[in-house]
Every structure is written in structure tokens, then in C-alpha cells.
Amino acid sequence: MSFLLCLLVVLVAVVSGVVFLGRGLACVWRGGLARSLRGLAYVVAAGAAVMYAWGMLYVAGAALEAEDGGADSSPIRPCRTGMQERDYWIDDYHVWWVPVRFVCHRSDGSTYDREVPGYVNPALAGLAGSAVALAVSALAVSARSASARSVDERARRP
């Protein structure tokens, strides 16, 4: 079940990334500072969506391997560390959606992360933060230009 849910999340993230990229490129080519900033925010958001999908692909692969029953399925394969005496304590795993993590759980209560590369979550946070900052900047530039236009219109009136 967890594997299928991970794949659904990957599909949604990829489609969102494509939509963001399309909207971003359309905004950038129209011109103007506010539209260009908004377009860059969409493009960076597309990068964040793709990075999220990349991390979730790792989690989906680990969940698929963990849910695979049969011989050699205990202890959970993605959680194995290579130290047999510690591996036999592994009893469960959890999938974290934000931040992207595959967490292995031992019967003594300890947990540790596996499978997701270390660069995924920092890159995801940086891209998402940059997209928000660009979107806020686009709103500020748009508001400033709107107020400047209203001042110009008032000055032209007799």
C-alpha cells in the first residue's frame, strides 16, 4: 500500500513540475519585471516538485523492497546495515512525506534513516524557499508598479 501511495505522490509531483514549468516559461517570455519574477518562481517551484519526486522515488523503491515478502525478507532489506546482531532488532519502517524520509525502526525504540540521498531535503527546502521568495518579490514589484500608475493617473487629472 505504501509503495502505491508513494508512486501516486511521485506522479502528482511530476505533473505539478511540468505545469509549473509551462506556466513559468509562459510568464518569463511575456516581459516585465513582475511577470519575469513570477515566471522564475514557477520554474524554481518546478525544480522543487521534481526534487520531491526524485526523493519519493527512492522511498517508493525502498517501500517496494520492504513490502516484498518471501525468503530473505526478514529483517527488512532496505533497513539492513550489514551488522547481523543489530539487523535482527529491525521490526518496522515508516515513510515520511515531509521531509522525504524512509525511517527504519528497531524493537529497542531507536530509529535511523535509509535510502534517501542526503542532498534531497536540503535542495528541496532551498528550492521551495526560493520559489516563495521570488513569488513575494513579484507581488511586491506588481504592487509598487500599480501604486506608481495610480499616482501618475492622479497627477494627470486637472
N, C-alpha and C. Protein backbone atom coordinates (compact mmCIF):
# COMPACT_ATOMS: atom_id res chain seq x y z
N MET A 1 0.82 -1.19 0.00
CA MET A 1 0.00 0.00 0.00
C MET A 1 0.87 1.26 0.00
N SER A 2 1.88 1.23 0.81
CA SER A 2 2.77 2.38 0.91
C SER A 2 3.47 2.65 -0.42
N PHE A 3 3.83 1.57 -1.13
CA PHE A 3 4.50 1.72 -2.40
C PHE A 3 3.61 2.42 -3.42
N LEU A 4 2.35 1.99 -3.51
CA LEU A 4 1.43 2.61 -4.47
C LEU A 4 1.15 4.07 -4.13
N LEU A 5 1.05 4.36 -2.85
CA LEU A 5 0.85 5.75 -2.44
C LEU A 5 2.07 6.60 -2.80
N CYS A 6 3.26 6.05 -2.61
CA CYS A 6 4.49 6.76 -3.00
C CYS A 6 4.51 7.04 -4.49
N LEU A 7 4.12 6.04 -5.29
CA LEU A 7 4.09 6.25 -6.74
C LEU A 7 3.06 7.30 -7.15
N LEU A 8 1.92 7.32 -6.47
CA LEU A 8 0.92 8.33 -6.75
C LEU A 8 1.47 9.73 -6.43
N VAL A 9 2.18 9.85 -5.32
CA VAL A 9 2.78 11.14 -4.95
C VAL A 9 3.84 11.55 -5.97
N VAL A 10 4.62 10.59 -6.46
CA VAL A 10 5.62 10.88 -7.49
C VAL A 10 4.94 11.39 -8.75
N LEU A 11 3.86 10.74 -9.15
CA LEU A 11 3.13 11.15 -10.35
C LEU A 11 2.58 12.57 -10.20
N VAL A 12 1.98 12.86 -9.05
CA VAL A 12 1.45 14.20 -8.80
C VAL A 12 2.57 15.23 -8.82
N ALA A 13 3.71 14.92 -8.22
CA ALA A 13 4.83 15.85 -8.19
C ALA A 13 5.38 16.11 -9.60
N VAL A 14 5.48 15.09 -10.40
CA VAL A 14 6.00 15.27 -11.77
C VAL A 14 5.03 16.10 -12.60
N VAL A 15 3.74 15.80 -12.51
CA VAL A 15 2.75 16.58 -13.27
C VAL A 15 2.76 18.03 -12.80
N SER A 16 2.85 18.25 -11.49
CA SER A 16 2.93 19.61 -10.97
C SER A 16 4.17 20.32 -11.49
N GLY A 17 5.28 19.61 -11.53
CA GLY A 17 6.51 20.20 -12.06
C GLY A 17 6.38 20.62 -13.51
N VAL A 18 5.74 19.79 -14.32
CA VAL A 18 5.55 20.13 -15.73
C VAL A 18 4.62 21.34 -15.87
N VAL A 19 3.55 21.37 -15.08
CA VAL A 19 2.63 22.51 -15.13
C VAL A 19 3.34 23.79 -14.69
N PHE A 20 4.09 23.71 -13.59
CA PHE A 20 4.83 24.89 -13.12
C PHE A 20 5.83 25.37 -14.16
N LEU A 21 6.52 24.44 -14.78
CA LEU A 21 7.50 24.82 -15.80
C LEU A 21 6.81 25.51 -16.98
N GLY A 22 5.70 24.97 -17.44
CA GLY A 22 4.97 25.58 -18.54
C GLY A 22 4.48 26.98 -18.20
N ARG A 23 3.91 27.13 -17.01
CA ARG A 23 3.44 28.46 -16.59
C ARG A 23 4.60 29.43 -16.43
N GLY A 24 5.70 28.92 -15.90
CA GLY A 24 6.87 29.77 -15.69
C GLY A 24 7.45 30.28 -16.98
N LEU A 25 7.60 29.40 -17.95
CA LEU A 25 8.16 29.82 -19.23
C LEU A 25 7.21 30.78 -19.95
N ALA A 26 5.91 30.58 -19.80
CA ALA A 26 4.95 31.50 -20.41
C ALA A 26 5.05 32.89 -19.78
N CYS A 27 5.25 32.95 -18.47
CA CYS A 27 5.36 34.25 -17.79
C CYS A 27 6.66 34.95 -18.13
N VAL A 28 7.75 34.20 -18.20
CA VAL A 28 9.06 34.81 -18.45
C VAL A 28 9.09 35.47 -19.83
N TRP A 29 8.48 34.82 -20.82
CA TRP A 29 8.56 35.35 -22.18
C TRP A 29 7.66 36.56 -22.40
N ARG A 30 6.71 36.85 -21.51
CA ARG A 30 5.82 37.98 -21.68
C ARG A 30 6.48 39.31 -21.39
N GLY A 31 7.53 39.30 -20.58
CA GLY A 31 8.25 40.53 -20.29
C GLY A 31 7.73 41.23 -19.06
N GLY A 32 8.48 42.22 -18.63
CA GLY A 32 8.13 42.95 -17.41
C GLY A 32 8.77 42.28 -16.20
N LEU A 33 9.18 43.10 -15.25
CA LEU A 33 9.89 42.57 -14.09
C LEU A 33 9.00 41.68 -13.23
N ALA A 34 7.78 42.10 -12.96
CA ALA A 34 6.89 41.31 -12.10
C ALA A 34 6.57 39.97 -12.75
N ARG A 35 6.28 39.98 -14.05
CA ARG A 35 5.99 38.71 -14.73
C ARG A 35 7.21 37.82 -14.80
N SER A 36 8.37 38.40 -15.01
CA SER A 36 9.59 37.60 -15.04
C SER A 36 9.88 36.96 -13.69
N LEU A 37 9.69 37.72 -12.62
CA LEU A 37 9.89 37.16 -11.27
C LEU A 37 8.87 36.05 -10.99
N ARG A 38 7.62 36.26 -11.40
CA ARG A 38 6.60 35.24 -11.22
C ARG A 38 6.95 34.00 -12.03
N GLY A 39 7.44 34.20 -13.24
CA GLY A 39 7.85 33.07 -14.08
C GLY A 39 9.01 32.31 -13.47
N LEU A 40 9.99 33.04 -12.94
CA LEU A 40 11.11 32.37 -12.28
C LEU A 40 10.65 31.61 -11.04
N ALA A 41 9.66 32.16 -10.33
CA ALA A 41 9.11 31.45 -9.16
C ALA A 41 8.49 30.13 -9.60
N TYR A 42 7.76 30.14 -10.71
CA TYR A 42 7.18 28.90 -11.22
C TYR A 42 8.26 27.90 -11.64
N VAL A 43 9.30 28.38 -12.31
CA VAL A 43 10.37 27.49 -12.76
C VAL A 43 11.09 26.86 -11.55
N VAL A 44 11.36 27.65 -10.53
CA VAL A 44 12.01 27.13 -9.33
C VAL A 44 11.08 26.17 -8.60
N ALA A 45 9.78 26.48 -8.58
CA ALA A 45 8.81 25.56 -7.98
C ALA A 45 8.77 24.24 -8.75
N ALA A 46 8.94 24.31 -10.06
CA ALA A 46 9.02 23.08 -10.85
C ALA A 46 10.24 22.26 -10.44
N GLY A 47 11.36 22.94 -10.19
CA GLY A 47 12.55 22.23 -9.71
C GLY A 47 12.31 21.59 -8.35
N ALA A 48 11.58 22.27 -7.48
CA ALA A 48 11.26 21.71 -6.17
C ALA A 48 10.36 20.48 -6.32
N ALA A 49 9.39 20.56 -7.21
CA ALA A 49 8.50 19.42 -7.43
C ALA A 49 9.26 18.22 -7.97
N VAL A 50 10.18 18.47 -8.88
CA VAL A 50 10.97 17.37 -9.43
C VAL A 50 11.91 16.79 -8.37
N MET A 51 12.49 17.63 -7.52
CA MET A 51 13.35 17.14 -6.44
C MET A 51 12.54 16.29 -5.46
N TYR A 52 11.32 16.72 -5.17
CA TYR A 52 10.46 15.93 -4.29
C TYR A 52 10.14 14.58 -4.92
N ALA A 53 9.84 14.58 -6.22
CA ALA A 53 9.57 13.32 -6.92
C ALA A 53 10.80 12.42 -6.90
N TRP A 54 11.98 13.00 -7.06
CA TRP A 54 13.22 12.22 -7.03
C TRP A 54 13.40 11.53 -5.67
N GLY A 55 13.19 12.27 -4.60
CA GLY A 55 13.30 11.68 -3.27
C GLY A 55 12.25 10.62 -3.02
N MET A 56 11.03 10.87 -3.49
CA MET A 56 9.96 9.89 -3.30
C MET A 56 10.17 8.64 -4.13
N LEU A 57 10.89 8.74 -5.24
CA LEU A 57 11.24 7.53 -6.00
C LEU A 57 12.14 6.62 -5.17
N TYR A 58 13.08 7.20 -4.45
CA TYR A 58 13.92 6.41 -3.56
C TYR A 58 13.07 5.76 -2.48
N VAL A 59 12.15 6.52 -1.90
CA VAL A 59 11.29 5.98 -0.85
C VAL A 59 10.38 4.89 -1.42
N ALA A 60 9.85 5.09 -2.62
CA ALA A 60 8.99 4.08 -3.24
C ALA A 60 9.76 2.78 -3.49
N GLY A 61 10.98 2.90 -3.96
CA GLY A 61 11.80 1.71 -4.17
C GLY A 61 12.07 0.97 -2.87
N ALA A 62 12.37 1.72 -1.82
CA ALA A 62 12.61 1.09 -0.52
C ALA A 62 11.34 0.46 0.03
N ALA A 63 10.19 1.13 -0.15
CA ALA A 63 8.92 0.56 0.32
C ALA A 63 8.57 -0.70 -0.45
N LEU A 64 8.82 -0.70 -1.76
CA LEU A 64 8.56 -1.90 -2.56
C LEU A 64 9.40 -3.06 -2.06
N GLU A 65 10.67 -2.79 -1.82
CA GLU A 65 11.56 -3.84 -1.33
C GLU A 65 11.18 -4.29 0.07
N ALA A 66 10.74 -3.36 0.92
CA ALA A 66 10.36 -3.70 2.28
C ALA A 66 9.07 -4.52 2.33
N GLU A 67 8.15 -4.26 1.41
CA GLU A 67 6.88 -4.97 1.40
C GLU A 67 6.95 -6.29 0.66
N ASP A 68 8.06 -6.56 0.02
CA ASP A 68 8.24 -7.81 -0.70
C ASP A 68 8.43 -8.93 0.31
N GLY A 69 7.49 -9.83 0.36
CA GLY A 69 7.56 -10.95 1.31
C GLY A 69 8.42 -12.07 0.75
N GLY A 70 8.40 -13.18 1.45
CA GLY A 70 9.12 -14.35 0.98
C GLY A 70 10.43 -14.53 1.71
N ALA A 71 11.23 -15.45 1.16
CA ALA A 71 12.52 -15.76 1.77
C ALA A 71 13.41 -14.52 1.74
N ASP A 72 14.19 -14.36 2.75
CA ASP A 72 15.13 -13.25 2.89
C ASP A 72 14.43 -11.90 3.04
N SER A 73 13.21 -11.90 3.58
CA SER A 73 12.51 -10.62 3.77
C SER A 73 12.57 -10.14 5.21
N SER A 74 13.18 -10.93 6.08
CA SER A 74 13.32 -10.52 7.47
C SER A 74 14.77 -10.69 7.88
N PRO A 75 15.39 -9.67 8.37
CA PRO A 75 14.92 -8.31 8.62
C PRO A 75 14.67 -7.56 7.31
N ILE A 76 13.96 -6.47 7.41
CA ILE A 76 13.56 -5.69 6.24
C ILE A 76 14.81 -5.31 5.45
N ARG A 77 14.82 -5.66 4.17
CA ARG A 77 16.02 -5.48 3.35
C ARG A 77 16.54 -4.05 3.26
N PRO A 78 15.71 -3.03 3.02
CA PRO A 78 16.26 -1.68 2.92
C PRO A 78 16.84 -1.16 4.23
N CYS A 79 16.46 -1.79 5.34
CA CYS A 79 16.93 -1.32 6.64
C CYS A 79 18.20 -2.01 7.11
N ARG A 80 18.65 -2.99 6.38
CA ARG A 80 19.83 -3.73 6.81
C ARG A 80 21.08 -2.86 6.79
N THR A 81 21.88 -3.01 7.83
CA THR A 81 23.11 -2.22 7.94
C THR A 81 24.36 -3.04 7.69
N GLY A 82 24.23 -4.35 7.67
CA GLY A 82 25.38 -5.21 7.48
C GLY A 82 25.89 -5.81 8.78
N MET A 83 25.40 -5.33 9.90
CA MET A 83 25.77 -5.89 11.20
C MET A 83 24.61 -6.77 11.65
N GLN A 84 24.77 -8.09 11.52
CA GLN A 84 23.67 -9.00 11.75
C GLN A 84 23.08 -8.90 13.14
N GLU A 85 23.93 -8.71 14.14
CA GLU A 85 23.41 -8.65 15.51
C GLU A 85 22.48 -7.45 15.71
N ARG A 86 22.70 -6.35 14.97
CA ARG A 86 21.82 -5.19 15.08
C ARG A 86 20.64 -5.28 14.11
N ASP A 87 20.85 -5.95 12.99
CA ASP A 87 19.79 -6.05 11.99
C ASP A 87 18.60 -6.87 12.47
N TYR A 88 18.83 -7.81 13.35
CA TYR A 88 17.71 -8.62 13.82
C TYR A 88 16.80 -7.87 14.78
N TRP A 89 17.17 -6.68 15.18
CA TRP A 89 16.32 -5.84 16.01
C TRP A 89 15.32 -5.05 15.16
N ILE A 90 15.52 -4.99 13.85
CA ILE A 90 14.65 -4.22 12.96
C ILE A 90 13.26 -4.85 12.95
N ASP A 91 12.24 -4.04 13.25
CA ASP A 91 10.89 -4.59 13.27
C ASP A 91 9.87 -3.83 12.41
N ASP A 92 10.19 -2.62 11.94
CA ASP A 92 9.22 -1.86 11.17
C ASP A 92 9.91 -0.73 10.42
N TYR A 93 9.17 -0.09 9.55
CA TYR A 93 9.66 1.10 8.85
C TYR A 93 8.51 2.08 8.72
N HIS A 94 8.84 3.34 8.47
CA HIS A 94 7.85 4.39 8.28
C HIS A 94 8.28 5.26 7.11
N VAL A 95 7.30 5.74 6.38
CA VAL A 95 7.55 6.66 5.27
C VAL A 95 7.15 8.05 5.74
N TRP A 96 8.06 9.00 5.63
CA TRP A 96 7.77 10.40 5.96
C TRP A 96 7.66 11.16 4.65
N TRP A 97 6.59 11.93 4.53
CA TRP A 97 6.34 12.66 3.30
C TRP A 97 7.08 13.99 3.28
N VAL A 98 7.11 14.70 4.40
CA VAL A 98 7.85 15.96 4.51
C VAL A 98 8.54 15.96 5.86
N PRO A 99 9.83 16.00 5.93
CA PRO A 99 10.80 15.83 4.85
C PRO A 99 10.76 14.41 4.31
N VAL A 100 11.25 14.24 3.11
CA VAL A 100 11.24 12.94 2.45
C VAL A 100 12.20 12.00 3.20
N ARG A 101 11.63 10.97 3.81
CA ARG A 101 12.47 10.05 4.60
C ARG A 101 11.90 8.65 4.57
N PHE A 102 12.78 7.67 4.63
CA PHE A 102 12.43 6.27 4.86
C PHE A 102 13.10 5.91 6.17
N VAL A 103 12.30 5.73 7.22
CA VAL A 103 12.83 5.57 8.57
C VAL A 103 12.66 4.12 8.99
N CYS A 104 13.76 3.52 9.42
CA CYS A 104 13.74 2.15 9.94
C CYS A 104 13.63 2.21 11.46
N HIS A 105 12.86 1.28 11.99
CA HIS A 105 12.60 1.24 13.43
C HIS A 105 13.10 -0.08 14.00
N ARG A 106 13.79 0.03 15.12
CA ARG A 106 14.25 -1.17 15.84
C ARG A 106 13.35 -1.43 17.04
N SER A 107 13.32 -2.66 17.51
CA SER A 107 12.46 -3.02 18.63
C SER A 107 12.89 -2.37 19.94
N ASP A 108 14.13 -1.87 20.00
CA ASP A 108 14.56 -1.17 21.22
C ASP A 108 14.11 0.30 21.22
N GLY A 109 13.41 0.73 20.17
CA GLY A 109 12.89 2.09 20.10
C GLY A 109 13.73 3.05 19.27
N SER A 110 14.92 2.65 18.86
CA SER A 110 15.77 3.54 18.07
C SER A 110 15.33 3.53 16.61
N THR A 111 15.60 4.63 15.92
CA THR A 111 15.26 4.76 14.51
C THR A 111 16.47 5.31 13.76
N TYR A 112 16.48 5.08 12.47
CA TYR A 112 17.52 5.65 11.61
C TYR A 112 16.99 5.74 10.18
N ASP A 113 17.54 6.68 9.42
CA ASP A 113 17.11 6.92 8.04
C ASP A 113 17.90 6.05 7.08
N ARG A 114 17.23 5.66 6.00
CA ARG A 114 17.88 4.91 4.93
C ARG A 114 17.37 5.40 3.58
N GLU A 115 18.09 5.06 2.55
CA GLU A 115 17.67 5.14 1.15
C GLU A 115 17.63 6.53 0.51
N VAL A 116 17.16 7.55 1.17
CA VAL A 116 17.05 8.86 0.51
C VAL A 116 18.40 9.57 0.57
N PRO A 117 18.92 10.02 -0.58
CA PRO A 117 20.21 10.71 -0.57
C PRO A 117 20.17 11.97 0.30
N GLY A 118 21.30 12.30 0.87
CA GLY A 118 21.37 13.42 1.80
C GLY A 118 21.13 14.78 1.18
N TYR A 119 21.25 14.92 -0.13
CA TYR A 119 21.08 16.22 -0.76
C TYR A 119 19.62 16.55 -1.07
N VAL A 120 18.73 15.58 -1.01
CA VAL A 120 17.35 15.79 -1.46
C VAL A 120 16.62 16.81 -0.59
N ASN A 121 16.57 16.61 0.72
CA ASN A 121 15.81 17.51 1.58
C ASN A 121 16.38 18.92 1.65
N PRO A 122 17.72 19.11 1.75
CA PRO A 122 18.22 20.49 1.71
C PRO A 122 17.95 21.18 0.37
N ALA A 123 18.09 20.46 -0.72
CA ALA A 123 17.81 21.05 -2.04
C ALA A 123 16.32 21.38 -2.16
N LEU A 124 15.48 20.50 -1.66
CA LEU A 124 14.04 20.74 -1.68
C LEU A 124 13.67 21.98 -0.87
N ALA A 125 14.25 22.11 0.30
CA ALA A 125 13.97 23.28 1.15
C ALA A 125 14.48 24.56 0.48
N GLY A 126 15.67 24.51 -0.09
CA GLY A 126 16.22 25.69 -0.77
C GLY A 126 15.39 26.10 -1.97
N LEU A 127 14.97 25.13 -2.78
CA LEU A 127 14.16 25.45 -3.96
C LEU A 127 12.79 25.99 -3.56
N ALA A 128 12.17 25.37 -2.58
CA ALA A 128 10.84 25.83 -2.15
C ALA A 128 10.93 27.23 -1.54
N GLY A 129 11.94 27.46 -0.73
CA GLY A 129 12.13 28.80 -0.15
C GLY A 129 12.41 29.85 -1.20
N SER A 130 13.21 29.50 -2.18
CA SER A 130 13.50 30.44 -3.28
C SER A 130 12.25 30.75 -4.10
N ALA A 131 11.42 29.73 -4.34
CA ALA A 131 10.18 29.95 -5.10
C ALA A 131 9.26 30.89 -4.35
N VAL A 132 9.15 30.71 -3.05
CA VAL A 132 8.30 31.59 -2.24
C VAL A 132 8.86 33.01 -2.25
N ALA A 133 10.18 33.15 -2.09
CA ALA A 133 10.79 34.48 -2.09
C ALA A 133 10.59 35.18 -3.44
N LEU A 134 10.73 34.46 -4.53
CA LEU A 134 10.50 35.05 -5.85
C LEU A 134 9.04 35.45 -6.04
N ALA A 135 8.12 34.62 -5.55
CA ALA A 135 6.70 34.96 -5.68
C ALA A 135 6.36 36.21 -4.86
N VAL A 136 6.91 36.31 -3.66
CA VAL A 136 6.67 37.50 -2.84
C VAL A 136 7.28 38.73 -3.50
N SER A 137 8.47 38.58 -4.07
CA SER A 137 9.09 39.70 -4.78
C SER A 137 8.25 40.14 -5.97
N ALA A 138 7.69 39.17 -6.69
CA ALA A 138 6.83 39.52 -7.83
C ALA A 138 5.60 40.28 -7.37
N LEU A 139 5.01 39.86 -6.24
CA LEU A 139 3.86 40.58 -5.71
C LEU A 139 4.23 42.00 -5.28
N ALA A 140 5.40 42.15 -4.66
CA ALA A 140 5.84 43.48 -4.22
C ALA A 140 6.09 44.40 -5.42
N VAL A 141 6.74 43.89 -6.44
CA VAL A 141 7.00 44.70 -7.64
C VAL A 141 5.69 45.06 -8.32
N SER A 142 4.77 44.11 -8.39
CA SER A 142 3.47 44.38 -9.00
C SER A 142 2.69 45.43 -8.23
N ALA A 143 2.70 45.35 -6.91
CA ALA A 143 2.01 46.34 -6.08
C ALA A 143 2.65 47.71 -6.21
N ARG A 144 3.98 47.74 -6.25
CA ARG A 144 4.69 49.02 -6.39
C ARG A 144 4.38 49.67 -7.73
N SER A 145 4.36 48.89 -8.80
CA SER A 145 4.06 49.47 -10.12
C SER A 145 2.60 49.90 -10.21
N ALA A 146 1.70 49.18 -9.53
CA ALA A 146 0.29 49.59 -9.53
C ALA A 146 0.10 50.90 -8.78
N SER A 147 0.80 51.06 -7.66
CA SER A 147 0.67 52.31 -6.92
C SER A 147 1.32 53.46 -7.70
N ALA A 148 2.39 53.20 -8.41
CA ALA A 148 3.02 54.25 -9.22
C ALA A 148 2.10 54.68 -10.36
N ARG A 149 1.38 53.73 -10.95
CA ARG A 149 0.44 54.07 -12.01
C ARG A 149 -0.72 54.91 -11.49
N SER A 150 -1.20 54.58 -10.30
CA SER A 150 -2.31 55.37 -9.74
C SER A 150 -1.86 56.78 -9.40
N VAL A 151 -0.62 56.95 -8.95
CA VAL A 151 -0.09 58.30 -8.68
C VAL A 151 0.04 59.07 -9.98
N ASP A 152 0.50 58.43 -11.03
CA ASP A 152 0.62 59.10 -12.33
C ASP A 152 -0.75 59.52 -12.87
N GLU A 153 -1.75 58.68 -12.67
CA GLU A 153 -3.09 59.00 -13.17
C GLU A 153 -3.68 60.18 -12.40
N ARG A 154 -3.44 60.23 -11.09
CA ARG A 154 -3.92 61.35 -10.29
C ARG A 154 -3.22 62.66 -10.69
N ALA A 155 -1.96 62.58 -11.05
CA ALA A 155 -1.21 63.77 -11.44
C ALA A 155 -1.70 64.32 -12.78
N ARG A 156 -2.21 63.45 -13.65
CA ARG A 156 -2.67 63.89 -14.98
C ARG A 156 -4.03 64.54 -14.91
N ARG A 157 -4.82 64.27 -13.91
CA ARG A 157 -6.16 64.85 -13.80
C ARG A 157 -6.06 66.34 -13.48
N PRO A 158 -6.93 67.12 -14.10
CA PRO A 158 -6.89 68.58 -13.86
C PRO A 158 -7.50 68.99 -12.53
